[in-house]
Every structure is written in structure tokens, then in C-alpha cells.
Amino acid sequence: MEKLIGEFSFGLFFWQLLIFIFLVLLLKKFAWKPILDTVNERESSIKNAMSEAEKARNEMASIQESNQKVLKEARAEREALLKEARATSAEMVALAKTNAQTEANKIIAQAQEAIKNEKRTAVNELKNQVAQISLEIAEKIIETELDNKDKQAQLVDKLLKDASL
């Protein structure tokens, strides 16, 4: 029995070995190659994805850097425009003040000239009235007696009371 068990075990071992080799060859042909190809393909796609991610990261960094540069330029341009607007505003305010002052001076000069003309006219009119009154007084004095001085004084006082300026 030992011999039979020994032969059986050797035979079993031989057939198991033969099946194992056949299975390995079969797996190598149909399973290992596709598995290894898939693994290699996956590895290369991961490497490509990593390199693409690195490129994208580098592009993002350069885009961010250019965005910062553009933002900085835009801020500088905005500041320049604001400065120019403030300067223009100050010029316009100064020009408006100057024009207003000039116009006010013209109006004041015209008003002073009008006042002088009115004053001159009023003085001339007053002189004319005084002259007219004086003539009327002189006429009335001449009409009355020139001999009597008391009468003349009374007449002048009366005429002065009657005259209203």
C-alpha cells in the first residue's frame, strides 16, 4: 500500500504539476498579458494625467501671475485717472471762481456807475429846482417894493417858508 500511495502521490504530483504549468501558460497567454497591458496602460495614463496636472498647475500659476500684473496695472491706471479727474475738477472750480469774481466785479462796477449817474442826475435836478426857486423868489422880490427893507425881509422869509425842497 505504501507503494501504491507513493505512486499515487507521484502521479498526483505529476498531474498537478502538469495542470499547474498548463494553467500558468494559459493564464500567461490569456490573462497575464491583458492584465499587464491594462496595468501598464493605467500606469501611463496616470503618468500622463500627472504631467497634465503639473502643466495645468503651471498654467494656473502663470495665469494668476498675469492676472496679478493686470490687476496692478488696472489699479495704477485707475489711480492716474482719479488723479487727473481731481486735477481737472480743481481747475474747473478755480476757473468758475475766477469767472464768477470777474462777473461780480463787472456787475459792481456797472452798479457803481449807475449810482453815480443817478446821483449826478439828482444833483443836477436839485440845482435846477434851487435855481428855479431862487428865480421865483427874485421875481417876487422885484415885484414888491424895493425901497422897504422890512417888507423885503418879511417877503423872503415868507417865500422860504412856502418853498419846499
N, C-alpha and C. Protein backbone atom coordinates (compact mmCIF):
# COMPACT_ATOMS: atom_id res chain seq x y z
N MET A 1 0.78 -1.14 0.00
CA MET A 1 0.00 0.00 0.00
C MET A 1 0.86 1.25 0.00
N GLU A 2 1.86 1.16 0.61
CA GLU A 2 2.77 2.27 0.59
C GLU A 2 3.24 2.55 -0.81
N LYS A 3 3.45 1.55 -1.54
CA LYS A 3 3.91 1.72 -2.90
C LYS A 3 2.79 2.38 -3.71
N LEU A 4 1.63 1.92 -3.49
CA LEU A 4 0.51 2.48 -4.22
C LEU A 4 0.31 3.94 -3.83
N ILE A 5 0.44 4.22 -2.59
CA ILE A 5 0.28 5.61 -2.12
C ILE A 5 1.43 6.43 -2.69
N GLY A 6 2.62 5.89 -2.73
CA GLY A 6 3.78 6.60 -3.27
C GLY A 6 3.58 6.88 -4.75
N GLU A 7 3.10 5.83 -5.50
CA GLU A 7 2.88 6.02 -6.93
C GLU A 7 1.72 6.98 -7.14
N PHE A 8 0.70 6.84 -6.30
CA PHE A 8 -0.46 7.71 -6.43
C PHE A 8 -0.07 9.16 -6.15
N SER A 9 0.75 9.35 -5.14
CA SER A 9 1.16 10.69 -4.82
C SER A 9 2.08 11.24 -5.91
N PHE A 10 2.95 10.37 -6.46
CA PHE A 10 3.82 10.83 -7.53
C PHE A 10 2.97 11.16 -8.75
N GLY A 11 2.02 10.32 -9.08
CA GLY A 11 1.15 10.53 -10.23
C GLY A 11 0.30 11.79 -10.02
N LEU A 12 -0.19 11.92 -8.80
CA LEU A 12 -0.99 13.10 -8.48
C LEU A 12 -0.13 14.35 -8.57
N PHE A 13 1.08 14.23 -8.05
CA PHE A 13 2.00 15.37 -8.12
C PHE A 13 2.31 15.72 -9.56
N PHE A 14 2.55 14.70 -10.38
CA PHE A 14 2.89 14.91 -11.79
C PHE A 14 1.72 15.61 -12.48
N TRP A 15 0.51 15.11 -12.26
CA TRP A 15 -0.63 15.70 -12.94
C TRP A 15 -0.93 17.10 -12.39
N GLN A 16 -0.74 17.30 -11.15
CA GLN A 16 -0.94 18.64 -10.57
C GLN A 16 0.10 19.61 -11.15
N LEU A 17 1.33 19.11 -11.29
CA LEU A 17 2.39 19.95 -11.86
C LEU A 17 2.07 20.27 -13.30
N LEU A 18 1.66 19.27 -14.04
CA LEU A 18 1.31 19.45 -15.43
C LEU A 18 0.13 20.42 -15.56
N ILE A 19 -0.88 20.29 -14.73
CA ILE A 19 -2.05 21.19 -14.76
C ILE A 19 -1.60 22.60 -14.36
N PHE A 20 -0.73 22.68 -13.38
CA PHE A 20 -0.25 24.00 -12.94
C PHE A 20 0.51 24.71 -14.06
N ILE A 21 1.42 23.97 -14.75
CA ILE A 21 2.19 24.55 -15.86
C ILE A 21 1.23 24.95 -16.97
N PHE A 22 0.27 24.08 -17.27
CA PHE A 22 -0.70 24.39 -18.31
C PHE A 22 -1.52 25.62 -17.92
N LEU A 23 -1.90 25.69 -16.67
CA LEU A 23 -2.67 26.82 -16.17
C LEU A 23 -1.86 28.10 -16.23
N VAL A 24 -0.57 28.00 -15.87
CA VAL A 24 0.31 29.17 -15.92
C VAL A 24 0.44 29.64 -17.35
N LEU A 25 0.66 28.68 -18.30
CA LEU A 25 0.78 29.05 -19.72
C LEU A 25 -0.53 29.66 -20.22
N LEU A 26 -1.60 29.03 -19.84
CA LEU A 26 -2.91 29.54 -20.25
C LEU A 26 -3.15 30.93 -19.67
N LEU A 27 -2.84 31.13 -18.39
CA LEU A 27 -3.01 32.44 -17.76
C LEU A 27 -2.08 33.47 -18.39
N LYS A 28 -0.84 33.02 -18.71
CA LYS A 28 0.12 33.93 -19.31
C LYS A 28 -0.38 34.41 -20.65
N LYS A 29 -0.95 33.53 -21.43
CA LYS A 29 -1.40 33.88 -22.76
C LYS A 29 -2.67 34.72 -22.70
N PHE A 30 -3.63 34.30 -21.87
CA PHE A 30 -4.93 34.96 -21.90
C PHE A 30 -5.17 35.95 -20.77
N ALA A 31 -4.54 35.83 -19.64
CA ALA A 31 -4.85 36.68 -18.51
C ALA A 31 -3.72 37.65 -18.18
N TRP A 32 -2.48 37.12 -18.06
CA TRP A 32 -1.39 37.96 -17.61
C TRP A 32 -1.11 39.08 -18.59
N LYS A 33 -1.07 38.75 -19.86
CA LYS A 33 -0.76 39.77 -20.85
C LYS A 33 -1.81 40.87 -20.83
N PRO A 34 -3.11 40.59 -20.89
CA PRO A 34 -4.10 41.67 -20.81
C PRO A 34 -4.05 42.42 -19.49
N ILE A 35 -3.80 41.68 -18.39
CA ILE A 35 -3.71 42.34 -17.09
C ILE A 35 -2.52 43.28 -17.06
N LEU A 36 -1.35 42.76 -17.53
CA LEU A 36 -0.15 43.61 -17.55
C LEU A 36 -0.32 44.78 -18.51
N ASP A 37 -0.94 44.53 -19.65
CA ASP A 37 -1.21 45.63 -20.60
C ASP A 37 -2.11 46.68 -19.95
N THR A 38 -3.14 46.22 -19.26
CA THR A 38 -4.05 47.14 -18.58
C THR A 38 -3.33 47.90 -17.49
N VAL A 39 -2.48 47.20 -16.73
CA VAL A 39 -1.72 47.87 -15.67
C VAL A 39 -0.76 48.89 -16.27
N ASN A 40 -0.06 48.48 -17.35
CA ASN A 40 0.86 49.42 -18.00
C ASN A 40 0.11 50.61 -18.59
N GLU A 41 -1.03 50.31 -19.20
CA GLU A 41 -1.85 51.38 -19.77
C GLU A 41 -2.33 52.32 -18.67
N ARG A 42 -2.76 51.78 -17.58
CA ARG A 42 -3.22 52.58 -16.44
C ARG A 42 -2.07 53.41 -15.88
N GLU A 43 -0.90 52.78 -15.79
CA GLU A 43 0.28 53.50 -15.28
C GLU A 43 0.64 54.66 -16.20
N SER A 44 0.61 54.41 -17.52
CA SER A 44 0.93 55.50 -18.45
C SER A 44 -0.15 56.59 -18.41
N SER A 45 -1.44 56.20 -18.27
CA SER A 45 -2.49 57.23 -18.19
C SER A 45 -2.35 58.03 -16.90
N ILE A 46 -1.93 57.39 -15.82
CA ILE A 46 -1.71 58.12 -14.56
C ILE A 46 -0.54 59.08 -14.73
N LYS A 47 0.54 58.60 -15.41
CA LYS A 47 1.69 59.49 -15.65
C LYS A 47 1.27 60.66 -16.51
N ASN A 48 0.49 60.39 -17.56
CA ASN A 48 0.01 61.48 -18.42
C ASN A 48 -0.87 62.45 -17.64
N ALA A 49 -1.75 61.89 -16.82
CA ALA A 49 -2.63 62.75 -16.01
C ALA A 49 -1.81 63.59 -15.04
N MET A 50 -0.77 63.01 -14.47
CA MET A 50 0.10 63.76 -13.55
C MET A 50 0.83 64.87 -14.29
N SER A 51 1.33 64.55 -15.49
CA SER A 51 2.04 65.58 -16.25
C SER A 51 1.06 66.67 -16.70
N GLU A 52 -0.15 66.29 -17.09
CA GLU A 52 -1.17 67.28 -17.46
C GLU A 52 -1.55 68.14 -16.26
N ALA A 53 -1.67 67.51 -15.11
CA ALA A 53 -1.98 68.26 -13.89
C ALA A 53 -0.86 69.23 -13.56
N GLU A 54 0.37 68.80 -13.75
CA GLU A 54 1.52 69.69 -13.50
C GLU A 54 1.50 70.86 -14.48
N LYS A 55 1.21 70.53 -15.77
CA LYS A 55 1.11 71.60 -16.77
C LYS A 55 -0.01 72.57 -16.39
N ALA A 56 -1.14 72.02 -16.01
CA ALA A 56 -2.28 72.86 -15.63
C ALA A 56 -1.94 73.72 -14.42
N ARG A 57 -1.23 73.14 -13.46
CA ARG A 57 -0.81 73.88 -12.27
C ARG A 57 0.13 75.02 -12.67
N ASN A 58 1.07 74.72 -13.58
CA ASN A 58 2.00 75.76 -14.05
C ASN A 58 1.24 76.85 -14.82
N GLU A 59 0.29 76.42 -15.65
CA GLU A 59 -0.51 77.40 -16.39
C GLU A 59 -1.32 78.26 -15.43
N MET A 60 -1.90 77.63 -14.43
CA MET A 60 -2.68 78.39 -13.44
C MET A 60 -1.79 79.40 -12.72
N ALA A 61 -0.57 78.98 -12.40
CA ALA A 61 0.35 79.90 -11.72
C ALA A 61 0.69 81.07 -12.63
N SER A 62 0.95 80.79 -13.92
CA SER A 62 1.29 81.88 -14.83
C SER A 62 0.07 82.78 -15.07
N ILE A 63 -1.11 82.16 -15.17
CA ILE A 63 -2.33 82.96 -15.34
C ILE A 63 -2.57 83.83 -14.12
N GLN A 64 -2.38 83.25 -12.95
CA GLN A 64 -2.57 84.01 -11.72
C GLN A 64 -1.57 85.16 -11.65
N GLU A 65 -0.34 84.88 -12.05
CA GLU A 65 0.69 85.92 -12.05
C GLU A 65 0.33 87.03 -13.04
N SER A 66 -0.13 86.64 -14.24
CA SER A 66 -0.52 87.67 -15.22
C SER A 66 -1.75 88.42 -14.74
N ASN A 67 -2.68 87.72 -14.07
CA ASN A 67 -3.85 88.40 -13.51
C ASN A 67 -3.44 89.43 -12.47
N GLN A 68 -2.48 89.06 -11.63
CA GLN A 68 -1.98 90.00 -10.62
C GLN A 68 -1.35 91.22 -11.30
N LYS A 69 -0.60 90.95 -12.37
CA LYS A 69 0.05 92.05 -13.09
C LYS A 69 -0.99 92.96 -13.72
N VAL A 70 -2.01 92.36 -14.35
CA VAL A 70 -3.08 93.14 -14.98
C VAL A 70 -3.85 93.93 -13.92
N LEU A 71 -4.11 93.28 -12.79
CA LEU A 71 -4.81 93.96 -11.70
C LEU A 71 -4.01 95.15 -11.17
N LYS A 72 -2.70 94.94 -11.04
CA LYS A 72 -1.83 96.02 -10.57
C LYS A 72 -1.82 97.17 -11.57
N GLU A 73 -1.75 96.84 -12.88
CA GLU A 73 -1.78 97.88 -13.91
C GLU A 73 -3.12 98.61 -13.90
N ALA A 74 -4.20 97.86 -13.72
CA ALA A 74 -5.53 98.48 -13.68
C ALA A 74 -5.65 99.42 -12.49
N ARG A 75 -5.11 99.00 -11.35
CA ARG A 75 -5.15 99.89 -10.18
C ARG A 75 -4.34 101.16 -10.42
N ALA A 76 -3.17 101.00 -11.03
CA ALA A 76 -2.33 102.16 -11.32
C ALA A 76 -3.05 103.10 -12.30
N GLU A 77 -3.69 102.51 -13.31
CA GLU A 77 -4.43 103.32 -14.28
C GLU A 77 -5.60 104.02 -13.62
N ARG A 78 -6.30 103.31 -12.73
CA ARG A 78 -7.42 103.91 -12.01
C ARG A 78 -6.94 105.10 -11.17
N GLU A 79 -5.82 104.90 -10.48
CA GLU A 79 -5.27 105.99 -9.65
C GLU A 79 -4.90 107.18 -10.52
N ALA A 80 -4.29 106.91 -11.69
CA ALA A 80 -3.91 108.00 -12.59
C ALA A 80 -5.16 108.75 -13.07
N LEU A 81 -6.21 108.00 -13.43
CA LEU A 81 -7.44 108.63 -13.89
C LEU A 81 -8.08 109.45 -12.77
N LEU A 82 -8.09 108.92 -11.56
CA LEU A 82 -8.65 109.67 -10.43
C LEU A 82 -7.85 110.94 -10.16
N LYS A 83 -6.53 110.83 -10.25
CA LYS A 83 -5.67 111.99 -10.03
C LYS A 83 -5.95 113.04 -11.09
N GLU A 84 -6.07 112.60 -12.34
CA GLU A 84 -6.35 113.52 -13.43
C GLU A 84 -7.73 114.16 -13.26
N ALA A 85 -8.70 113.36 -12.83
CA ALA A 85 -10.05 113.88 -12.61
C ALA A 85 -10.06 114.92 -11.49
N ARG A 86 -9.30 114.64 -10.43
CA ARG A 86 -9.22 115.62 -9.33
C ARG A 86 -8.57 116.92 -9.81
N ALA A 87 -7.51 116.79 -10.60
CA ALA A 87 -6.83 117.98 -11.11
C ALA A 87 -7.77 118.77 -12.01
N THR A 88 -8.48 118.07 -12.89
CA THR A 88 -9.42 118.74 -13.80
C THR A 88 -10.53 119.41 -12.99
N SER A 89 -11.02 118.73 -11.98
CA SER A 89 -12.06 119.29 -11.13
C SER A 89 -11.56 120.56 -10.43
N ALA A 90 -10.35 120.50 -9.91
CA ALA A 90 -9.78 121.68 -9.24
C ALA A 90 -9.63 122.84 -10.22
N GLU A 91 -9.18 122.52 -11.44
CA GLU A 91 -9.05 123.57 -12.46
C GLU A 91 -10.40 124.19 -12.78
N MET A 92 -11.42 123.32 -12.93
CA MET A 92 -12.75 123.82 -13.26
C MET A 92 -13.31 124.70 -12.14
N VAL A 93 -13.08 124.28 -10.91
CA VAL A 93 -13.56 125.07 -9.76
C VAL A 93 -12.84 126.42 -9.73
N ALA A 94 -11.52 126.39 -9.95
CA ALA A 94 -10.76 127.64 -9.94
C ALA A 94 -11.21 128.56 -11.07
N LEU A 95 -11.44 127.98 -12.25
CA LEU A 95 -11.90 128.78 -13.39
C LEU A 95 -13.28 129.36 -13.12
N ALA A 96 -14.17 128.55 -12.53
CA ALA A 96 -15.51 129.03 -12.20
C ALA A 96 -15.45 130.16 -11.18
N LYS A 97 -14.57 130.03 -10.17
CA LYS A 97 -14.41 131.09 -9.17
C LYS A 97 -13.91 132.37 -9.82
N THR A 98 -12.92 132.21 -10.71
CA THR A 98 -12.36 133.38 -11.39
C THR A 98 -13.43 134.06 -12.24
N ASN A 99 -14.17 133.25 -13.00
CA ASN A 99 -15.23 133.82 -13.84
C ASN A 99 -16.30 134.50 -12.99
N ALA A 100 -16.68 133.87 -11.89
CA ALA A 100 -17.69 134.46 -11.01
C ALA A 100 -17.19 135.77 -10.40
N GLN A 101 -15.93 135.79 -9.99
CA GLN A 101 -15.35 137.01 -9.42
C GLN A 101 -15.33 138.13 -10.47
N THR A 102 -14.92 137.78 -11.70
CA THR A 102 -14.87 138.77 -12.78
C THR A 102 -16.27 139.30 -13.06
N GLU A 103 -17.24 138.40 -13.14
CA GLU A 103 -18.62 138.81 -13.42
C GLU A 103 -19.15 139.68 -12.28
N ALA A 104 -18.84 139.30 -11.04
CA ALA A 104 -19.28 140.10 -9.88
C ALA A 104 -18.65 141.49 -9.93
N ASN A 105 -17.38 141.56 -10.27
CA ASN A 105 -16.70 142.87 -10.37
C ASN A 105 -17.35 143.72 -11.46
N LYS A 106 -17.71 143.11 -12.59
CA LYS A 106 -18.38 143.86 -13.67
C LYS A 106 -19.71 144.41 -13.19
N ILE A 107 -20.47 143.52 -12.50
CA ILE A 107 -21.80 143.95 -12.01
C ILE A 107 -21.65 145.07 -11.00
N ILE A 108 -20.67 144.95 -10.11
CA ILE A 108 -20.44 146.01 -9.10
C ILE A 108 -20.05 147.31 -9.77
N ALA A 109 -19.15 147.22 -10.78
CA ALA A 109 -18.72 148.43 -11.49
C ALA A 109 -19.91 149.08 -12.20
N GLN A 110 -20.76 148.26 -12.83
CA GLN A 110 -21.93 148.81 -13.51
C GLN A 110 -22.89 149.45 -12.51
N ALA A 111 -23.06 148.80 -11.37
CA ALA A 111 -23.95 149.35 -10.34
C ALA A 111 -23.40 150.67 -9.81
N GLN A 112 -22.07 150.74 -9.58
CA GLN A 112 -21.48 151.98 -9.09
C GLN A 112 -21.63 153.09 -10.12
N GLU A 113 -21.45 152.74 -11.40
CA GLU A 113 -21.61 153.74 -12.47
C GLU A 113 -23.05 154.23 -12.52
N ALA A 114 -24.00 153.29 -12.38
CA ALA A 114 -25.42 153.67 -12.39
C ALA A 114 -25.73 154.58 -11.21
N ILE A 115 -25.16 154.25 -10.03
CA ILE A 115 -25.38 155.09 -8.83
C ILE A 115 -24.82 156.48 -9.06
N LYS A 116 -23.61 156.56 -9.64
CA LYS A 116 -23.00 157.88 -9.91
C LYS A 116 -23.88 158.68 -10.87
N ASN A 117 -24.37 157.98 -11.92
CA ASN A 117 -25.22 158.69 -12.89
C ASN A 117 -26.51 159.17 -12.23
N GLU A 118 -27.13 158.33 -11.40
CA GLU A 118 -28.35 158.73 -10.71
C GLU A 118 -28.08 159.89 -9.75
N LYS A 119 -26.94 159.83 -9.07
CA LYS A 119 -26.58 160.89 -8.12
C LYS A 119 -26.37 162.21 -8.88
N ARG A 120 -25.64 162.10 -10.00
CA ARG A 120 -25.38 163.29 -10.82
C ARG A 120 -26.70 163.89 -11.32
N THR A 121 -27.59 163.02 -11.77
CA THR A 121 -28.89 163.47 -12.26
C THR A 121 -29.69 164.12 -11.14
N ALA A 122 -29.67 163.49 -9.96
CA ALA A 122 -30.41 164.05 -8.81
C ALA A 122 -29.84 165.40 -8.40
N VAL A 123 -28.49 165.50 -8.39
CA VAL A 123 -27.86 166.79 -8.01
C VAL A 123 -28.21 167.86 -9.04
N ASN A 124 -28.15 167.49 -10.31
CA ASN A 124 -28.50 168.46 -11.36
C ASN A 124 -29.95 168.90 -11.24
N GLU A 125 -30.82 167.95 -10.97
CA GLU A 125 -32.23 168.27 -10.81
C GLU A 125 -32.45 169.17 -9.60
N LEU A 126 -31.74 168.87 -8.51
CA LEU A 126 -31.83 169.70 -7.31
C LEU A 126 -31.32 171.11 -7.58
N LYS A 127 -30.21 171.20 -8.30
CA LYS A 127 -29.67 172.54 -8.65
C LYS A 127 -30.68 173.32 -9.49
N ASN A 128 -31.28 172.60 -10.42
CA ASN A 128 -32.28 173.26 -11.28
C ASN A 128 -33.47 173.75 -10.45
N GLN A 129 -33.91 172.93 -9.50
CA GLN A 129 -35.03 173.32 -8.65
C GLN A 129 -34.65 174.52 -7.77
N VAL A 130 -33.42 174.44 -7.20
CA VAL A 130 -32.96 175.56 -6.36
C VAL A 130 -32.88 176.85 -7.19
N ALA A 131 -32.33 176.69 -8.42
CA ALA A 131 -32.24 177.86 -9.29
C ALA A 131 -33.62 178.38 -9.62
N GLN A 132 -34.56 177.50 -9.91
CA GLN A 132 -35.92 177.90 -10.23
C GLN A 132 -36.56 178.61 -9.06
N ILE A 133 -36.39 178.04 -7.86
CA ILE A 133 -36.96 178.67 -6.66
C ILE A 133 -36.32 180.03 -6.43
N SER A 134 -34.99 180.07 -6.63
CA SER A 134 -34.31 181.35 -6.45
C SER A 134 -34.83 182.39 -7.42
N LEU A 135 -35.06 181.99 -8.65
CA LEU A 135 -35.59 182.92 -9.65
C LEU A 135 -37.00 183.38 -9.26
N GLU A 136 -37.80 182.47 -8.80
CA GLU A 136 -39.15 182.82 -8.40
C GLU A 136 -39.12 183.81 -7.23
N ILE A 137 -38.20 183.53 -6.27
CA ILE A 137 -38.07 184.43 -5.12
C ILE A 137 -37.61 185.80 -5.60
N ALA A 138 -36.63 185.78 -6.51
CA ALA A 138 -36.10 187.06 -7.01
C ALA A 138 -37.19 187.83 -7.76
N GLU A 139 -37.99 187.16 -8.54
CA GLU A 139 -39.07 187.82 -9.27
C GLU A 139 -40.06 188.47 -8.31
N LYS A 140 -40.42 187.70 -7.28
CA LYS A 140 -41.40 188.22 -6.34
C LYS A 140 -40.82 189.39 -5.55
N ILE A 141 -39.54 189.33 -5.26
CA ILE A 141 -38.91 190.44 -4.53
C ILE A 141 -38.88 191.67 -5.42
N ILE A 142 -38.57 191.48 -6.66
CA ILE A 142 -38.51 192.62 -7.57
C ILE A 142 -39.90 193.20 -7.76
N GLU A 143 -40.88 192.40 -7.81
CA GLU A 143 -42.25 192.88 -7.97
C GLU A 143 -42.67 193.75 -6.79
N THR A 144 -42.25 193.38 -5.63
CA THR A 144 -42.63 194.18 -4.47
C THR A 144 -41.73 195.40 -4.40
N GLU A 145 -41.97 196.11 -3.48
CA GLU A 145 -41.22 197.34 -3.36
C GLU A 145 -39.80 197.04 -2.98
N LEU A 146 -38.91 197.74 -3.65
CA LEU A 146 -37.52 197.56 -3.35
C LEU A 146 -37.06 198.55 -2.28
N ASP A 147 -37.86 199.52 -1.95
CA ASP A 147 -37.46 200.55 -1.01
C ASP A 147 -37.56 200.06 0.43
N ASN A 148 -38.56 199.31 0.73
CA ASN A 148 -38.81 198.94 2.10
C ASN A 148 -38.07 197.65 2.43
N LYS A 149 -37.08 197.80 3.31
CA LYS A 149 -36.25 196.65 3.65
C LYS A 149 -36.97 195.70 4.58
N ASP A 150 -37.80 196.17 5.43
CA ASP A 150 -38.54 195.28 6.33
C ASP A 150 -39.50 194.41 5.54
N LYS A 151 -40.12 195.01 4.58
CA LYS A 151 -41.05 194.27 3.72
C LYS A 151 -40.28 193.21 2.92
N GLN A 152 -39.12 193.59 2.46
CA GLN A 152 -38.32 192.65 1.67
C GLN A 152 -37.92 191.45 2.53
N ALA A 153 -37.52 191.68 3.78
CA ALA A 153 -37.11 190.60 4.67
C ALA A 153 -38.30 189.70 4.99
N GLN A 154 -39.46 190.32 5.24
CA GLN A 154 -40.64 189.53 5.51
C GLN A 154 -41.02 188.68 4.29
N LEU A 155 -40.93 189.28 3.12
CA LEU A 155 -41.26 188.58 1.89
C LEU A 155 -40.32 187.39 1.67
N VAL A 156 -39.04 187.57 1.89
CA VAL A 156 -38.06 186.48 1.72
C VAL A 156 -38.37 185.36 2.73
N ASP A 157 -38.66 185.74 3.99
CA ASP A 157 -38.99 184.71 4.99
C ASP A 157 -40.25 183.95 4.58
N LYS A 158 -41.24 184.65 4.09
CA LYS A 158 -42.49 184.01 3.69
C LYS A 158 -42.26 183.08 2.51
N LEU A 159 -41.51 183.55 1.56
CA LEU A 159 -41.25 182.74 0.36
C LEU A 159 -40.43 181.49 0.73
N LEU A 160 -39.51 181.64 1.65
CA LEU A 160 -38.71 180.48 2.08
C LEU A 160 -39.57 179.45 2.80
N LYS A 161 -40.55 179.94 3.57
CA LYS A 161 -41.45 179.02 4.26
C LYS A 161 -42.34 178.30 3.26
N ASP A 162 -42.76 179.02 2.22
CA ASP A 162 -43.63 178.41 1.22
C ASP A 162 -42.90 177.41 0.32
N ALA A 163 -41.64 177.68 0.10
CA ALA A 163 -40.86 176.78 -0.82
C ALA A 163 -40.54 175.48 -0.11
N SER A 164 -40.80 174.42 -0.81
CA SER A 164 -40.46 173.10 -0.23
C SER A 164 -39.50 172.37 -1.17
N LEU A 165 -38.48 171.84 -0.57
CA LEU A 165 -37.49 171.15 -1.38
C LEU A 165 -37.80 169.69 -1.44
